[in-house]
Amino acid sequence: MTNEELTRKYVALDEMVMRQAEQIKTAFHQIGEAKSIAESVHKLATSVELLAREQCLTNEKVDALASDMEEVKEKPGRRWETIVSVAITAVVTALLAFALAQLGVT
């Protein structure tokens, strides 16, 4: 091989090394970006998990409040039923007492 051929091969190899060095730099840059994206996705997944837990707790609280509201709504109805029951008992007792008094049993 002549000096000229060796020089051409050296220049070609040097150019190839420079291209590969650029490709390696690009690959490292892309790896860094991918790592950054993976970290962001991990943070996002953690945030979504926390939001889901908070949503479950909120749902439980809403269910408890709904149950409490049903009890509050039913309370006046139960009172009215008690009042009516006591009134009917009093009227029936009074009628029975009156009837027994008319019969002279008491």
N, C-alpha and C. Protein backbone atom coordinates (compact mmCIF):
# COMPACT_ATOMS: atom_id res chain seq x y z
N MET A 1 0.82 -1.17 0.00
CA MET A 1 0.00 0.00 0.00
C MET A 1 0.87 1.24 0.00
N THR A 2 0.41 2.16 -0.77
CA THR A 2 1.21 3.38 -0.88
C THR A 2 0.81 4.35 0.23
N ASN A 3 1.60 5.36 0.33
CA ASN A 3 1.33 6.41 1.30
C ASN A 3 -0.01 7.08 1.04
N GLU A 4 -0.31 7.29 -0.19
CA GLU A 4 -1.55 7.94 -0.59
C GLU A 4 -2.76 7.08 -0.20
N GLU A 5 -2.70 5.81 -0.44
CA GLU A 5 -3.80 4.91 -0.07
C GLU A 5 -3.98 4.86 1.44
N LEU A 6 -2.88 4.82 2.16
CA LEU A 6 -2.95 4.83 3.62
C LEU A 6 -3.57 6.13 4.12
N THR A 7 -3.23 7.23 3.51
CA THR A 7 -3.78 8.53 3.91
C THR A 7 -5.28 8.55 3.66
N ARG A 8 -5.72 8.06 2.49
CA ARG A 8 -7.15 8.02 2.19
C ARG A 8 -7.90 7.13 3.19
N LYS A 9 -7.32 5.97 3.50
CA LYS A 9 -7.95 5.06 4.47
C LYS A 9 -8.01 5.73 5.85
N TYR A 10 -6.94 6.43 6.19
CA TYR A 10 -6.91 7.12 7.49
C TYR A 10 -8.00 8.19 7.55
N VAL A 11 -8.12 8.98 6.49
CA VAL A 11 -9.14 10.04 6.42
C VAL A 11 -10.53 9.41 6.48
N ALA A 12 -10.74 8.32 5.74
CA ALA A 12 -12.06 7.65 5.74
C ALA A 12 -12.38 7.12 7.13
N LEU A 13 -11.38 6.49 7.76
CA LEU A 13 -11.60 5.97 9.13
C LEU A 13 -11.86 7.11 10.12
N ASP A 14 -11.14 8.21 9.96
CA ASP A 14 -11.32 9.36 10.84
C ASP A 14 -12.75 9.92 10.70
N GLU A 15 -13.22 10.02 9.46
CA GLU A 15 -14.58 10.50 9.22
C GLU A 15 -15.61 9.54 9.84
N MET A 16 -15.36 8.23 9.70
CA MET A 16 -16.26 7.23 10.25
C MET A 16 -16.30 7.35 11.78
N VAL A 17 -15.14 7.53 12.39
CA VAL A 17 -15.06 7.67 13.84
C VAL A 17 -15.83 8.92 14.29
N MET A 18 -15.72 10.02 13.54
CA MET A 18 -16.41 11.26 13.89
C MET A 18 -17.93 11.06 13.78
N ARG A 19 -18.39 10.37 12.72
CA ARG A 19 -19.83 10.10 12.57
C ARG A 19 -20.34 9.23 13.71
N GLN A 20 -19.55 8.22 14.04
CA GLN A 20 -19.96 7.33 15.13
C GLN A 20 -19.97 8.07 16.47
N ALA A 21 -19.03 8.95 16.67
CA ALA A 21 -19.01 9.75 17.90
C ALA A 21 -20.27 10.61 17.99
N GLU A 22 -20.69 11.20 16.86
CA GLU A 22 -21.91 12.00 16.84
C GLU A 22 -23.13 11.13 17.11
N GLN A 23 -23.14 9.94 16.52
CA GLN A 23 -24.25 9.02 16.75
C GLN A 23 -24.32 8.61 18.23
N ILE A 24 -23.17 8.40 18.83
CA ILE A 24 -23.13 8.04 20.25
C ILE A 24 -23.66 9.19 21.11
N LYS A 25 -23.23 10.43 20.78
CA LYS A 25 -23.73 11.59 21.51
C LYS A 25 -25.25 11.68 21.39
N THR A 26 -25.75 11.47 20.17
CA THR A 26 -27.20 11.52 19.93
C THR A 26 -27.90 10.43 20.73
N ALA A 27 -27.31 9.23 20.74
CA ALA A 27 -27.91 8.11 21.49
C ALA A 27 -27.95 8.42 22.98
N PHE A 28 -26.89 8.98 23.54
CA PHE A 28 -26.87 9.34 24.95
C PHE A 28 -27.90 10.43 25.24
N HIS A 29 -28.04 11.37 24.33
CA HIS A 29 -29.04 12.43 24.50
C HIS A 29 -30.45 11.82 24.51
N GLN A 30 -30.71 10.90 23.58
CA GLN A 30 -32.01 10.26 23.53
C GLN A 30 -32.27 9.41 24.77
N ILE A 31 -31.23 8.74 25.26
CA ILE A 31 -31.37 7.96 26.49
C ILE A 31 -31.73 8.88 27.65
N GLY A 32 -31.08 10.04 27.71
CA GLY A 32 -31.39 11.01 28.77
C GLY A 32 -32.83 11.48 28.68
N GLU A 33 -33.30 11.75 27.47
CA GLU A 33 -34.69 12.17 27.29
C GLU A 33 -35.66 11.06 27.69
N ALA A 34 -35.33 9.83 27.31
CA ALA A 34 -36.18 8.69 27.66
C ALA A 34 -36.24 8.51 29.17
N LYS A 35 -35.11 8.68 29.83
CA LYS A 35 -35.06 8.57 31.29
C LYS A 35 -35.92 9.65 31.92
N SER A 36 -35.84 10.86 31.40
CA SER A 36 -36.64 11.97 31.91
C SER A 36 -38.13 11.68 31.73
N ILE A 37 -38.49 11.15 30.57
CA ILE A 37 -39.90 10.82 30.30
C ILE A 37 -40.36 9.71 31.25
N ALA A 38 -39.52 8.71 31.47
CA ALA A 38 -39.88 7.61 32.36
C ALA A 38 -40.11 8.13 33.78
N GLU A 39 -39.26 9.05 34.23
CA GLU A 39 -39.44 9.64 35.56
C GLU A 39 -40.75 10.42 35.63
N SER A 40 -41.06 11.16 34.57
CA SER A 40 -42.31 11.92 34.53
C SER A 40 -43.52 10.99 34.57
N VAL A 41 -43.44 9.90 33.83
CA VAL A 41 -44.54 8.93 33.82
C VAL A 41 -44.71 8.30 35.20
N HIS A 42 -43.61 8.00 35.86
CA HIS A 42 -43.66 7.44 37.21
C HIS A 42 -44.33 8.42 38.17
N LYS A 43 -43.94 9.69 38.09
CA LYS A 43 -44.55 10.72 38.95
C LYS A 43 -46.04 10.83 38.65
N LEU A 44 -46.39 10.80 37.39
CA LEU A 44 -47.79 10.89 36.99
C LEU A 44 -48.58 9.70 37.53
N ALA A 45 -48.01 8.50 37.43
CA ALA A 45 -48.70 7.31 37.93
C ALA A 45 -48.89 7.40 39.44
N THR A 46 -47.89 7.90 40.15
CA THR A 46 -48.01 8.07 41.59
C THR A 46 -49.10 9.07 41.92
N SER A 47 -49.16 10.16 41.18
CA SER A 47 -50.19 11.18 41.40
C SER A 47 -51.57 10.61 41.13
N VAL A 48 -51.72 9.85 40.07
CA VAL A 48 -53.02 9.25 39.74
C VAL A 48 -53.44 8.28 40.84
N GLU A 49 -52.48 7.51 41.36
CA GLU A 49 -52.79 6.58 42.44
C GLU A 49 -53.28 7.32 43.68
N LEU A 50 -52.61 8.42 44.01
CA LEU A 50 -53.05 9.22 45.16
C LEU A 50 -54.43 9.82 44.92
N LEU A 51 -54.67 10.30 43.72
CA LEU A 51 -56.00 10.85 43.40
C LEU A 51 -57.08 9.78 43.51
N ALA A 52 -56.77 8.57 43.08
CA ALA A 52 -57.74 7.49 43.16
C ALA A 52 -58.07 7.17 44.62
N ARG A 53 -57.04 7.15 45.47
CA ARG A 53 -57.28 6.91 46.91
C ARG A 53 -58.15 8.01 47.51
N GLU A 54 -57.81 9.25 47.17
CA GLU A 54 -58.59 10.37 47.69
C GLU A 54 -60.03 10.30 47.19
N GLN A 55 -60.22 9.89 45.94
CA GLN A 55 -61.56 9.75 45.39
C GLN A 55 -62.34 8.69 46.15
N CYS A 56 -61.70 7.58 46.48
CA CYS A 56 -62.37 6.53 47.24
C CYS A 56 -62.79 7.05 48.61
N LEU A 57 -61.89 7.78 49.28
CA LEU A 57 -62.23 8.35 50.58
C LEU A 57 -63.38 9.34 50.46
N THR A 58 -63.36 10.15 49.42
CA THR A 58 -64.43 11.11 49.20
C THR A 58 -65.75 10.39 48.97
N ASN A 59 -65.72 9.31 48.18
CA ASN A 59 -66.94 8.53 47.94
C ASN A 59 -67.49 7.95 49.24
N GLU A 60 -66.59 7.45 50.10
CA GLU A 60 -67.03 6.90 51.38
C GLU A 60 -67.69 7.98 52.23
N LYS A 61 -67.10 9.17 52.24
CA LYS A 61 -67.67 10.27 53.02
C LYS A 61 -69.02 10.69 52.46
N VAL A 62 -69.14 10.74 51.14
CA VAL A 62 -70.42 11.10 50.52
C VAL A 62 -71.48 10.06 50.86
N ASP A 63 -71.11 8.78 50.83
CA ASP A 63 -72.06 7.72 51.18
C ASP A 63 -72.52 7.86 52.63
N ALA A 64 -71.58 8.17 53.52
CA ALA A 64 -71.92 8.36 54.94
C ALA A 64 -72.86 9.55 55.10
N LEU A 65 -72.58 10.63 54.39
CA LEU A 65 -73.44 11.81 54.46
C LEU A 65 -74.83 11.50 53.92
N ALA A 66 -74.90 10.75 52.85
CA ALA A 66 -76.20 10.38 52.27
C ALA A 66 -77.00 9.55 53.28
N SER A 67 -76.33 8.64 53.96
CA SER A 67 -77.00 7.82 54.97
C SER A 67 -77.50 8.69 56.11
N ASP A 68 -76.67 9.62 56.56
CA ASP A 68 -77.09 10.54 57.62
C ASP A 68 -78.28 11.38 57.18
N MET A 69 -78.28 11.83 55.93
CA MET A 69 -79.39 12.63 55.42
C MET A 69 -80.68 11.82 55.39
N GLU A 70 -80.59 10.54 55.04
CA GLU A 70 -81.78 9.69 55.04
C GLU A 70 -82.35 9.57 56.44
N GLU A 71 -81.48 9.42 57.44
CA GLU A 71 -81.94 9.35 58.83
C GLU A 71 -82.63 10.65 59.23
N VAL A 72 -82.04 11.77 58.85
CA VAL A 72 -82.63 13.07 59.19
C VAL A 72 -83.98 13.23 58.52
N LYS A 73 -84.09 12.79 57.28
CA LYS A 73 -85.37 12.88 56.56
C LYS A 73 -86.44 12.01 57.22
N GLU A 74 -86.05 10.82 57.70
CA GLU A 74 -87.01 9.88 58.27
C GLU A 74 -87.47 10.27 59.67
N LYS A 75 -86.68 11.06 60.38
CA LYS A 75 -86.97 11.38 61.77
C LYS A 75 -88.34 12.05 61.95
N PRO A 76 -88.71 13.08 61.20
CA PRO A 76 -90.03 13.69 61.38
C PRO A 76 -91.17 12.70 61.12
N GLY A 77 -91.00 11.82 60.17
CA GLY A 77 -92.01 10.81 59.88
C GLY A 77 -92.20 9.87 61.05
N ARG A 78 -91.10 9.45 61.66
CA ARG A 78 -91.19 8.57 62.82
C ARG A 78 -91.86 9.29 63.98
N ARG A 79 -91.55 10.57 64.16
CA ARG A 79 -92.19 11.35 65.23
C ARG A 79 -93.69 11.42 64.99
N TRP A 80 -94.08 11.71 63.75
CA TRP A 80 -95.49 11.81 63.43
C TRP A 80 -96.20 10.49 63.69
N GLU A 81 -95.58 9.39 63.30
CA GLU A 81 -96.16 8.07 63.54
C GLU A 81 -96.34 7.82 65.04
N THR A 82 -95.36 8.23 65.84
CA THR A 82 -95.45 8.07 67.29
C THR A 82 -96.59 8.91 67.85
N ILE A 83 -96.70 10.15 67.38
CA ILE A 83 -97.76 11.03 67.85
C ILE A 83 -99.13 10.45 67.50
N VAL A 84 -99.28 9.99 66.27
CA VAL A 84 -100.55 9.41 65.83
C VAL A 84 -100.86 8.16 66.65
N SER A 85 -99.86 7.32 66.88
CA SER A 85 -100.06 6.10 67.65
C SER A 85 -100.50 6.43 69.07
N VAL A 86 -99.85 7.39 69.71
CA VAL A 86 -100.21 7.78 71.07
C VAL A 86 -101.62 8.37 71.08
N ALA A 87 -101.94 9.20 70.09
CA ALA A 87 -103.27 9.81 70.03
C ALA A 87 -104.35 8.74 69.87
N ILE A 88 -104.12 7.79 68.99
CA ILE A 88 -105.10 6.72 68.78
C ILE A 88 -105.26 5.90 70.05
N THR A 89 -104.15 5.58 70.69
CA THR A 89 -104.21 4.83 71.95
C THR A 89 -105.00 5.61 72.99
N ALA A 90 -104.77 6.91 73.07
CA ALA A 90 -105.48 7.73 74.05
C ALA A 90 -106.97 7.77 73.75
N VAL A 91 -107.33 7.93 72.48
CA VAL A 91 -108.75 7.97 72.09
C VAL A 91 -109.42 6.63 72.39
N VAL A 92 -108.77 5.53 72.01
CA VAL A 92 -109.33 4.20 72.26
C VAL A 92 -109.48 3.96 73.76
N THR A 93 -108.45 4.34 74.52
CA THR A 93 -108.51 4.18 75.97
C THR A 93 -109.65 5.00 76.55
N ALA A 94 -109.79 6.24 76.08
CA ALA A 94 -110.88 7.09 76.57
C ALA A 94 -112.24 6.51 76.21
N LEU A 95 -112.38 6.01 74.98
CA LEU A 95 -113.65 5.40 74.57
C LEU A 95 -113.96 4.15 75.40
N LEU A 96 -112.96 3.32 75.62
CA LEU A 96 -113.16 2.13 76.44
C LEU A 96 -113.52 2.51 77.87
N ALA A 97 -112.84 3.51 78.42
CA ALA A 97 -113.13 3.96 79.78
C ALA A 97 -114.55 4.51 79.84
N PHE A 98 -114.95 5.30 78.84
CA PHE A 98 -116.29 5.87 78.79
C PHE A 98 -117.33 4.75 78.69
N ALA A 99 -117.06 3.76 77.80
CA ALA A 99 -118.00 2.66 77.62
C ALA A 99 -118.12 1.85 78.91
N LEU A 100 -117.00 1.59 79.55
CA LEU A 100 -117.02 0.84 80.80
C LEU A 100 -117.73 1.63 81.90
N ALA A 101 -117.54 2.94 81.90
CA ALA A 101 -118.21 3.79 82.88
C ALA A 101 -119.72 3.78 82.64
N GLN A 102 -120.12 3.79 81.38
CA GLN A 102 -121.56 3.76 81.06
C GLN A 102 -122.17 2.42 81.47
N LEU A 103 -121.37 1.39 81.39
CA LEU A 103 -121.87 0.06 81.77
C LEU A 103 -121.79 -0.11 83.28
N GLY A 104 -121.10 0.78 83.95
CA GLY A 104 -120.98 0.71 85.40
C GLY A 104 -119.95 -0.30 85.86
N VAL A 105 -119.04 -0.65 85.02
CA VAL A 105 -118.00 -1.64 85.36
C VAL A 105 -116.93 -1.01 86.23
N THR A 106 -116.64 0.24 86.05
CA THR A 106 -115.55 0.84 86.84
C THR A 106 -115.99 1.45 88.11
